[in-house]
Amino acid sequence: MKNLLLIILSGLHIAGLTYLQSIEQLPLWFLLFFIACNVLSFIFYGMDKLAAVKGWQRTRERHFYALALCGGWPGSVLGQIIFNHKTSKISFRRWFYFMSSINLLLMGWYLNHYLFHLLS
């Protein structure tokens, strides 16, 4: 149930940003940066899962947090579900949700500020 809620929230977030860009209310660089962060986040989860299985050097958790903070949290959610990685470590999940929430707040503030100036 928790995964379904995260998938729905991620999909709505992506759809909203895509819609805003399609009606030219969002700079293209913003959408491209968002896409890059999500692709990179997804790849990081896959690589870290492989490293965990093989016993190789792991990705530092702060890199996952930084990607979530930069907007890559939907890709992270997808990576966590597909690779079944970082799903049971409570301390990681708390920080991940915190960074994702900060990202949503900052994006909301930016979009509100950006759209307010466009409309005035």
C-alpha atoms as a PDB file:
ATOM      1  CA  MET A   1       0.000   0.000   0.000  1.00  0.00           C
ATOM      2  CA  LYS A   2       2.837   2.378   0.883  1.00  0.00           C
ATOM      3  CA  ASN A   3       4.544   1.651  -2.454  1.00  0.00           C
ATOM      4  CA  LEU A   4       1.325   2.312  -4.349  1.00  0.00           C
ATOM      5  CA  LEU A   5       0.942   5.688  -2.654  1.00  0.00           C
ATOM      6  CA  LEU A   6       4.550   6.599  -3.495  1.00  0.00           C
ATOM      7  CA  ILE A   7       4.098   5.529  -7.117  1.00  0.00           C
ATOM      8  CA  ILE A   8       0.913   7.598  -7.440  1.00  0.00           C
ATOM      9  CA  LEU A   9       2.571  10.650  -5.838  1.00  0.00           C
ATOM     10  CA  SER A  10       5.598  10.263  -8.118  1.00  0.00           C
ATOM     11  CA  GLY A  11       3.418   9.929 -11.205  1.00  0.00           C
ATOM     12  CA  LEU A  12       1.371  13.000 -10.303  1.00  0.00           C
ATOM     13  CA  HIS A  13       4.538  14.995  -9.668  1.00  0.00           C
ATOM     14  CA  ILE A  14       6.059  14.007 -13.018  1.00  0.00           C
ATOM     15  CA  ALA A  15       2.777  14.607 -14.860  1.00  0.00           C
ATOM     16  CA  GLY A  16       2.392  18.033 -13.277  1.00  0.00           C
ATOM     17  CA  LEU A  17       5.894  19.149 -14.218  1.00  0.00           C
ATOM     18  CA  THR A  18       5.497  17.782 -17.737  1.00  0.00           C
ATOM     19  CA  TYR A  19       2.176  19.589 -18.130  1.00  0.00           C
ATOM     20  CA  LEU A  20       3.626  22.884 -16.900  1.00  0.00           C
ATOM     21  CA  GLN A  21       6.475  22.585 -19.386  1.00  0.00           C
ATOM     22  CA  SER A  22       4.104  21.661 -22.217  1.00  0.00           C
ATOM     23  CA  ILE A  23       2.083  24.845 -21.736  1.00  0.00           C
ATOM     24  CA  GLU A  24       5.345  26.790 -21.540  1.00  0.00           C
ATOM     25  CA  GLN A  25       4.957  27.680 -17.877  1.00  0.00           C
ATOM     26  CA  LEU A  26       8.151  25.905 -16.827  1.00  0.00           C
ATOM     27  CA  PRO A  27      11.623  26.407 -18.244  1.00  0.00           C
ATOM     28  CA  LEU A  28      12.892  23.481 -20.299  1.00  0.00           C
ATOM     29  CA  TRP A  29      16.141  23.342 -18.306  1.00  0.00           C
ATOM     30  CA  PHE A  30      14.081  22.706 -15.155  1.00  0.00           C
ATOM     31  CA  LEU A  31      12.380  19.670 -16.684  1.00  0.00           C
ATOM     32  CA  LEU A  32      15.642  18.343 -18.159  1.00  0.00           C
ATOM     33  CA  PHE A  33      17.412  18.695 -14.805  1.00  0.00           C
ATOM     34  CA  PHE A  34      14.524  16.865 -13.133  1.00  0.00           C
ATOM     35  CA  ILE A  35      14.684  14.031 -15.686  1.00  0.00           C
ATOM     36  CA  ALA A  36      18.472  13.726 -15.327  1.00  0.00           C
ATOM     37  CA  CYS A  37      18.226  13.503 -11.522  1.00  0.00           C
ATOM     38  CA  ASN A  38      15.588  10.791 -11.765  1.00  0.00           C
ATOM     39  CA  VAL A  39      17.483   8.690 -14.289  1.00  0.00           C
ATOM     40  CA  LEU A  40      20.649   9.041 -12.226  1.00  0.00           C
ATOM     41  CA  SER A  41      18.782   8.105  -9.025  1.00  0.00           C
ATOM     42  CA  PHE A  42      17.342   4.984 -10.620  1.00  0.00           C
ATOM     43  CA  ILE A  43      20.781   3.953 -11.923  1.00  0.00           C
ATOM     44  CA  PHE A  44      22.370   4.562  -8.499  1.00  0.00           C
ATOM     45  CA  TYR A  45      19.879   2.201  -6.826  1.00  0.00           C
ATOM     46  CA  GLY A  46      20.550  -0.511  -9.398  1.00  0.00           C
ATOM     47  CA  MET A  47      24.316  -0.123  -9.110  1.00  0.00           C
ATOM     48  CA  ASP A  48      24.214  -0.103  -5.307  1.00  0.00           C
ATOM     49  CA  LYS A  49      22.040  -3.215  -5.219  1.00  0.00           C
ATOM     50  CA  LEU A  50      24.510  -4.980  -7.515  1.00  0.00           C
ATOM     51  CA  ALA A  51      27.387  -3.798  -5.313  1.00  0.00           C
ATOM     52  CA  ALA A  52      25.591  -5.122  -2.226  1.00  0.00           C
ATOM     53  CA  VAL A  53      25.063  -8.533  -3.818  1.00  0.00           C
ATOM     54  CA  LYS A  54      28.627  -8.775  -5.172  1.00  0.00           C
ATOM     55  CA  GLY A  55      30.306  -7.364  -2.066  1.00  0.00           C
ATOM     56  CA  TRP A  56      31.746  -4.393  -3.931  1.00  0.00           C
ATOM     57  CA  GLN A  57      32.162  -0.860  -2.633  1.00  0.00           C
ATOM     58  CA  ARG A  58      28.766   0.684  -1.906  1.00  0.00           C
ATOM     59  CA  THR A  59      27.334   4.087  -2.727  1.00  0.00           C
ATOM     60  CA  ARG A  60      27.252   6.435   0.256  1.00  0.00           C
ATOM     61  CA  GLU A  61      23.774   7.147   1.565  1.00  0.00           C
ATOM     62  CA  ARG A  62      24.377  10.877   1.386  1.00  0.00           C
ATOM     63  CA  HIS A  63      24.495  10.553  -2.417  1.00  0.00           C
ATOM     64  CA  PHE A  64      20.997   9.069  -2.391  1.00  0.00           C
ATOM     65  CA  TYR A  65      19.836  11.891  -0.108  1.00  0.00           C
ATOM     66  CA  ALA A  66      21.390  14.530  -2.365  1.00  0.00           C
ATOM     67  CA  LEU A  67      19.658  13.094  -5.424  1.00  0.00           C
ATOM     68  CA  ALA A  68      16.309  13.045  -3.589  1.00  0.00           C
ATOM     69  CA  LEU A  69      16.849  16.654  -2.506  1.00  0.00           C
ATOM     70  CA  CYS A  70      17.653  17.690  -6.095  1.00  0.00           C
ATOM     71  CA  GLY A  71      14.414  16.196  -7.418  1.00  0.00           C
ATOM     72  CA  GLY A  72      15.361  12.598  -8.131  1.00  0.00           C
ATOM     73  CA  TRP A  73      13.050  11.114  -5.535  1.00  0.00           C
ATOM     74  CA  PRO A  74      10.541   9.644  -8.045  1.00  0.00           C
ATOM     75  CA  GLY A  75      13.417   7.760  -9.727  1.00  0.00           C
ATOM     76  CA  SER A  76      14.581   6.693  -6.280  1.00  0.00           C
ATOM     77  CA  VAL A  77      11.140   5.340  -5.419  1.00  0.00           C
ATOM     78  CA  LEU A  78      11.081   3.360  -8.654  1.00  0.00           C
ATOM     79  CA  GLY A  79      14.619   2.071  -8.001  1.00  0.00           C
ATOM     80  CA  GLN A  80      13.725   1.039  -4.455  1.00  0.00           C
ATOM     81  CA  ILE A  81      10.708  -0.910  -5.671  1.00  0.00           C
ATOM     82  CA  ILE A  82      12.252  -2.540  -8.754  1.00  0.00           C
ATOM     83  CA  PHE A  83      15.569  -3.462  -7.126  1.00  0.00           C
ATOM     84  CA  ASN A  84      14.012  -4.054  -3.685  1.00  0.00           C
ATOM     85  CA  HIS A  85      16.796  -1.941  -2.265  1.00  0.00           C
ATOM     86  CA  LYS A  86      16.942   0.297   0.811  1.00  0.00           C
ATOM     87  CA  THR A  87      13.357  -0.611   1.649  1.00  0.00           C
ATOM     88  CA  SER A  88      13.776  -1.957   5.179  1.00  0.00           C
ATOM     89  CA  LYS A  89      16.398   0.357   6.699  1.00  0.00           C
ATOM     90  CA  ILE A  90      14.267   2.708   8.799  1.00  0.00           C
ATOM     91  CA  SER A  91      16.939   5.377   9.373  1.00  0.00           C
ATOM     92  CA  PHE A  92      17.567   5.610   5.635  1.00  0.00           C
ATOM     93  CA  ARG A  93      13.836   5.842   4.864  1.00  0.00           C
ATOM     94  CA  ARG A  94      13.331   8.666   7.368  1.00  0.00           C
ATOM     95  CA  TRP A  95      16.119  10.758   5.865  1.00  0.00           C
ATOM     96  CA  PHE A  96      14.968   9.891   2.341  1.00  0.00           C
ATOM     97  CA  TYR A  97      11.407  11.038   3.081  1.00  0.00           C
ATOM     98  CA  PHE A  98      12.737  14.185   4.771  1.00  0.00           C
ATOM     99  CA  MET A  99      14.897  15.108   1.749  1.00  0.00           C
ATOM    100  CA  SER A 100      12.043  14.329  -0.638  1.00  0.00           C
ATOM    101  CA  SER A 101       9.705  16.544   1.387  1.00  0.00           C
ATOM    102  CA  ILE A 102      12.231  19.383   1.369  1.00  0.00           C
ATOM    103  CA  ASN A 103      12.474  19.003  -2.418  1.00  0.00           C
ATOM    104  CA  LEU A 104       8.700  19.185  -2.799  1.00  0.00           C
ATOM    105  CA  LEU A 105       8.539  22.282  -0.611  1.00  0.00           C
ATOM    106  CA  LEU A 106      11.348  23.995  -2.532  1.00  0.00           C
ATOM    107  CA  MET A 107       9.818  23.056  -5.884  1.00  0.00           C
ATOM    108  CA  GLY A 108       6.448  24.334  -4.737  1.00  0.00           C
ATOM    109  CA  TRP A 109       7.984  27.608  -3.597  1.00  0.00           C
ATOM    110  CA  TYR A 110       9.935  27.971  -6.868  1.00  0.00           C
ATOM    111  CA  LEU A 111       6.946  27.194  -9.059  1.00  0.00           C
ATOM    112  CA  ASN A 112       4.727  29.537  -7.053  1.00  0.00           C
ATOM    113  CA  HIS A 113       7.338  32.298  -7.301  1.00  0.00           C
ATOM    114  CA  TYR A 114       7.993  31.621 -11.014  1.00  0.00           C
ATOM    115  CA  LEU A 115       4.332  31.420 -11.999  1.00  0.00           C
ATOM    116  CA  PHE A 116       3.442  34.473  -9.894  1.00  0.00           C
ATOM    117  CA  HIS A 117       5.984  36.575 -11.823  1.00  0.00           C
ATOM    118  CA  LEU A 118       4.782  35.188 -15.156  1.00  0.00           C
ATOM    119  CA  LEU A 119       1.184  36.112 -14.451  1.00  0.00           C
ATOM    120  CA  SER A 120       1.879  39.601 -13.126  1.00  0.00           C
END
